[in-house]
């Protein structure tokens, strides 16, 4: 009786492991294919625009602009900074 239980348990664990492995592999393949073949917009050489001057110092604005450009790979722009 216990042999049958362990056999069913073992078969179930192997089956789950294989199915989850296929899910992970297919997900990675889908991510690779989308990143490889998806059309990317052309990069433009737009100059970095400076937001309107508020009461924030120049160094803080430079850090914010740099962080936004890095995080968005040059696609995002700061248009307004509101100091509270």
N, C-alpha and C. Protein backbone atom coordinates (compact mmCIF):
# COMPACT_ATOMS: atom_id res chain seq x y z
N UNK A 1 0.82 -1.18 0.00
CA UNK A 1 0.00 0.00 0.00
C UNK A 1 0.87 1.26 0.00
N UNK A 2 1.92 1.27 0.84
CA UNK A 2 2.78 2.44 0.87
C UNK A 2 3.61 2.55 -0.40
N UNK A 3 3.90 1.43 -1.03
CA UNK A 3 4.65 1.48 -2.29
C UNK A 3 3.84 2.18 -3.37
N UNK A 4 2.56 1.92 -3.41
CA UNK A 4 1.70 2.57 -4.39
C UNK A 4 1.60 4.06 -4.10
N UNK A 5 1.48 4.41 -2.85
CA UNK A 5 1.40 5.82 -2.47
C UNK A 5 2.67 6.56 -2.86
N UNK A 6 3.83 5.98 -2.56
CA UNK A 6 5.10 6.62 -2.92
C UNK A 6 5.28 6.68 -4.43
N UNK A 7 4.81 5.69 -5.11
CA UNK A 7 4.90 5.69 -6.57
C UNK A 7 4.06 6.81 -7.17
N UNK A 8 2.83 6.96 -6.70
CA UNK A 8 1.95 8.02 -7.19
C UNK A 8 2.53 9.38 -6.82
N UNK A 9 3.05 9.51 -5.60
CA UNK A 9 3.67 10.75 -5.16
C UNK A 9 4.86 11.11 -6.06
N UNK A 10 5.70 10.14 -6.33
CA UNK A 10 6.88 10.38 -7.18
C UNK A 10 6.50 10.78 -8.59
N UNK A 11 5.54 10.09 -9.17
CA UNK A 11 5.09 10.42 -10.52
C UNK A 11 4.49 11.83 -10.55
N UNK A 12 3.70 12.17 -9.53
CA UNK A 12 3.11 13.51 -9.47
C UNK A 12 4.16 14.59 -9.34
N UNK A 13 5.18 14.38 -8.51
CA UNK A 13 6.22 15.39 -8.33
C UNK A 13 7.03 15.57 -9.62
N UNK A 14 7.35 14.49 -10.30
CA UNK A 14 8.10 14.59 -11.56
C UNK A 14 7.26 15.31 -12.60
N UNK A 15 5.97 15.01 -12.66
CA UNK A 15 5.09 15.66 -13.62
C UNK A 15 5.00 17.16 -13.36
N UNK A 16 4.82 17.54 -12.11
CA UNK A 16 4.76 18.96 -11.77
C UNK A 16 6.08 19.64 -12.10
N UNK A 17 7.20 19.02 -11.79
CA UNK A 17 8.51 19.60 -12.09
C UNK A 17 8.66 19.81 -13.59
N UNK A 18 8.27 18.84 -14.39
CA UNK A 18 8.38 18.97 -15.85
C UNK A 18 7.47 20.07 -16.39
N UNK A 19 6.25 20.15 -15.91
CA UNK A 19 5.31 21.17 -16.39
C UNK A 19 5.80 22.56 -16.00
N UNK A 20 6.25 22.75 -14.76
CA UNK A 20 6.75 24.05 -14.35
C UNK A 20 8.02 24.41 -15.12
N UNK A 21 8.86 23.42 -15.41
CA UNK A 21 10.05 23.68 -16.23
C UNK A 21 9.67 24.14 -17.63
N UNK A 22 8.64 23.52 -18.21
CA UNK A 22 8.18 23.95 -19.53
C UNK A 22 7.59 25.36 -19.49
N UNK A 23 6.90 25.71 -18.42
CA UNK A 23 6.34 27.06 -18.28
C UNK A 23 7.47 28.08 -18.22
N UNK A 24 8.50 27.81 -17.43
CA UNK A 24 9.64 28.73 -17.31
C UNK A 24 10.37 28.85 -18.64
N UNK A 25 10.63 27.75 -19.29
CA UNK A 25 11.35 27.79 -20.57
C UNK A 25 10.54 28.51 -21.65
N UNK A 26 9.25 28.25 -21.70
CA UNK A 26 8.43 28.93 -22.71
C UNK A 26 8.32 30.42 -22.41
N UNK A 27 8.26 30.80 -21.14
CA UNK A 27 8.24 32.22 -20.78
C UNK A 27 9.53 32.91 -21.17
N UNK A 28 10.67 32.27 -20.91
CA UNK A 28 11.96 32.84 -21.31
C UNK A 28 12.08 32.94 -22.82
N UNK A 29 11.58 31.94 -23.53
CA UNK A 29 11.61 31.98 -24.99
C UNK A 29 10.74 33.11 -25.52
N UNK A 30 9.57 33.31 -24.94
CA UNK A 30 8.70 34.39 -25.36
C UNK A 30 9.34 35.75 -25.09
N UNK A 31 9.95 35.93 -23.93
CA UNK A 31 10.63 37.20 -23.62
C UNK A 31 11.77 37.43 -24.60
N UNK A 32 12.55 36.41 -24.89
CA UNK A 32 13.67 36.56 -25.84
C UNK A 32 13.15 36.94 -27.23
N UNK A 33 12.09 36.28 -27.68
CA UNK A 33 11.57 36.55 -29.02
C UNK A 33 11.01 37.96 -29.12
N UNK A 34 10.30 38.40 -28.11
CA UNK A 34 9.74 39.75 -28.14
C UNK A 34 10.86 40.78 -28.12
N UNK A 35 11.86 40.59 -27.28
CA UNK A 35 12.97 41.53 -27.23
C UNK A 35 13.79 41.51 -28.52
N UNK A 36 13.86 40.40 -29.16
CA UNK A 36 14.68 40.28 -30.37
C UNK A 36 13.95 40.81 -31.61
N UNK A 37 12.67 40.50 -31.75
CA UNK A 37 11.98 40.78 -32.99
C UNK A 37 10.96 41.92 -32.92
N UNK A 38 10.68 42.44 -31.78
CA UNK A 38 9.72 43.54 -31.67
C UNK A 38 10.33 44.80 -32.26
N UNK A 39 9.51 45.56 -32.93
CA UNK A 39 9.99 46.79 -33.54
C UNK A 39 10.26 47.81 -32.43
N UNK A 40 11.44 48.37 -32.47
CA UNK A 40 11.79 49.40 -31.50
C UNK A 40 11.77 50.75 -32.20
N UNK A 41 11.28 51.76 -31.53
CA UNK A 41 11.25 53.07 -32.16
C UNK A 41 12.67 53.59 -32.36
N UNK A 42 12.90 54.33 -33.42
CA UNK A 42 14.25 54.84 -33.65
C UNK A 42 14.64 55.83 -32.56
N UNK A 43 15.91 55.76 -32.18
CA UNK A 43 16.39 56.68 -31.15
C UNK A 43 16.66 58.03 -31.79
N UNK A 44 16.20 59.05 -31.12
CA UNK A 44 16.43 60.39 -31.63
C UNK A 44 17.46 61.07 -30.75
N UNK A 45 18.19 61.96 -31.33
CA UNK A 45 19.20 62.69 -30.59
C UNK A 45 18.63 64.03 -30.15
N UNK A 46 17.62 63.94 -29.29
CA UNK A 46 17.01 65.16 -28.77
C UNK A 46 17.89 65.69 -27.64
N UNK A 47 18.08 66.98 -27.61
CA UNK A 47 18.83 67.53 -26.48
C UNK A 47 18.00 67.42 -25.21
N UNK A 48 18.67 67.27 -24.11
CA UNK A 48 17.97 67.18 -22.83
C UNK A 48 17.33 68.53 -22.54
N UNK A 49 16.02 68.50 -22.31
CA UNK A 49 15.32 69.75 -22.03
C UNK A 49 15.35 70.02 -20.54
N UNK A 50 15.48 71.24 -20.19
CA UNK A 50 15.51 71.64 -18.79
C UNK A 50 14.12 72.09 -18.37
N UNK A 51 13.66 71.63 -17.24
CA UNK A 51 12.35 72.09 -16.77
C UNK A 51 12.42 73.54 -16.33
N UNK A 52 11.26 74.15 -16.20
CA UNK A 52 11.19 75.53 -15.74
C UNK A 52 11.85 75.64 -14.37
N UNK A 53 12.57 76.70 -14.17
CA UNK A 53 13.29 76.90 -12.92
C UNK A 53 12.31 77.17 -11.78
N UNK A 54 12.43 76.38 -10.73
CA UNK A 54 11.63 76.59 -9.53
C UNK A 54 12.59 76.97 -8.41
N UNK A 55 12.24 76.71 -7.20
CA UNK A 55 13.12 77.00 -6.09
C UNK A 55 14.09 75.87 -5.79
N UNK A 56 14.19 74.89 -6.67
CA UNK A 56 15.05 73.71 -6.46
C UNK A 56 16.43 74.02 -7.03
N UNK A 57 17.48 73.61 -6.30
CA UNK A 57 18.83 73.93 -6.76
C UNK A 57 19.21 73.14 -8.01
N UNK A 58 20.23 73.63 -8.71
CA UNK A 58 20.65 73.07 -10.00
C UNK A 58 21.08 71.60 -9.88
N UNK A 59 21.76 71.25 -8.81
CA UNK A 59 22.28 69.89 -8.66
C UNK A 59 21.13 68.89 -8.52
N UNK A 60 20.10 69.24 -7.79
CA UNK A 60 18.95 68.36 -7.62
C UNK A 60 18.23 68.16 -8.95
N UNK A 61 18.08 69.22 -9.72
CA UNK A 61 17.43 69.11 -11.03
C UNK A 61 18.27 68.23 -11.95
N UNK A 62 19.60 68.39 -11.92
CA UNK A 62 20.47 67.58 -12.76
C UNK A 62 20.36 66.10 -12.40
N UNK A 63 20.29 65.81 -11.10
CA UNK A 63 20.15 64.42 -10.66
C UNK A 63 18.82 63.84 -11.12
N UNK A 64 17.74 64.61 -10.99
CA UNK A 64 16.42 64.12 -11.42
C UNK A 64 16.37 63.87 -12.92
N UNK A 65 16.90 64.82 -13.71
CA UNK A 65 16.91 64.66 -15.17
C UNK A 65 17.74 63.44 -15.56
N UNK A 66 18.89 63.27 -14.93
CA UNK A 66 19.74 62.13 -15.24
C UNK A 66 19.06 60.81 -14.88
N UNK A 67 18.40 60.77 -13.73
CA UNK A 67 17.72 59.54 -13.31
C UNK A 67 16.58 59.18 -14.25
N UNK A 68 15.81 60.18 -14.69
CA UNK A 68 14.70 59.92 -15.61
C UNK A 68 15.24 59.44 -16.96
N UNK A 69 16.29 60.06 -17.46
CA UNK A 69 16.87 59.63 -18.73
C UNK A 69 17.42 58.21 -18.63
N UNK A 70 18.05 57.87 -17.52
CA UNK A 70 18.59 56.53 -17.35
C UNK A 70 17.47 55.50 -17.24
N UNK A 71 16.45 55.79 -16.44
CA UNK A 71 15.38 54.82 -16.20
C UNK A 71 14.53 54.59 -17.44
N UNK A 72 14.38 55.61 -18.29
CA UNK A 72 13.54 55.48 -19.48
C UNK A 72 14.35 55.31 -20.75
N UNK A 73 15.65 55.11 -20.60
CA UNK A 73 16.57 54.94 -21.74
C UNK A 73 16.46 56.09 -22.73
N UNK A 74 16.37 57.30 -22.20
CA UNK A 74 16.34 58.49 -23.03
C UNK A 74 14.99 58.84 -23.61
N UNK A 75 13.94 58.08 -23.28
CA UNK A 75 12.62 58.33 -23.85
C UNK A 75 11.78 59.27 -23.00
N UNK A 76 12.07 59.38 -21.71
CA UNK A 76 11.25 60.20 -20.82
C UNK A 76 11.82 61.59 -20.63
N UNK A 77 10.96 62.52 -20.36
CA UNK A 77 11.37 63.90 -20.13
C UNK A 77 10.60 64.46 -18.94
N UNK A 78 11.27 65.28 -18.15
CA UNK A 78 10.62 65.97 -17.05
C UNK A 78 10.06 67.26 -17.62
N UNK A 79 8.77 67.45 -17.44
CA UNK A 79 8.14 68.67 -17.96
C UNK A 79 7.79 69.65 -16.86
N UNK A 80 7.63 69.13 -15.63
CA UNK A 80 7.22 70.03 -14.55
C UNK A 80 7.68 69.45 -13.23
N UNK A 81 8.25 70.30 -12.39
CA UNK A 81 8.62 69.90 -11.03
C UNK A 81 7.88 70.81 -10.09
N UNK A 82 7.14 70.21 -9.18
CA UNK A 82 6.37 71.00 -8.24
C UNK A 82 6.95 70.77 -6.85
N UNK A 83 7.40 71.82 -6.22
CA UNK A 83 7.97 71.73 -4.89
C UNK A 83 6.86 71.93 -3.87
N UNK A 84 6.81 71.03 -2.90
CA UNK A 84 5.76 71.12 -1.88
C UNK A 84 6.33 71.60 -0.58
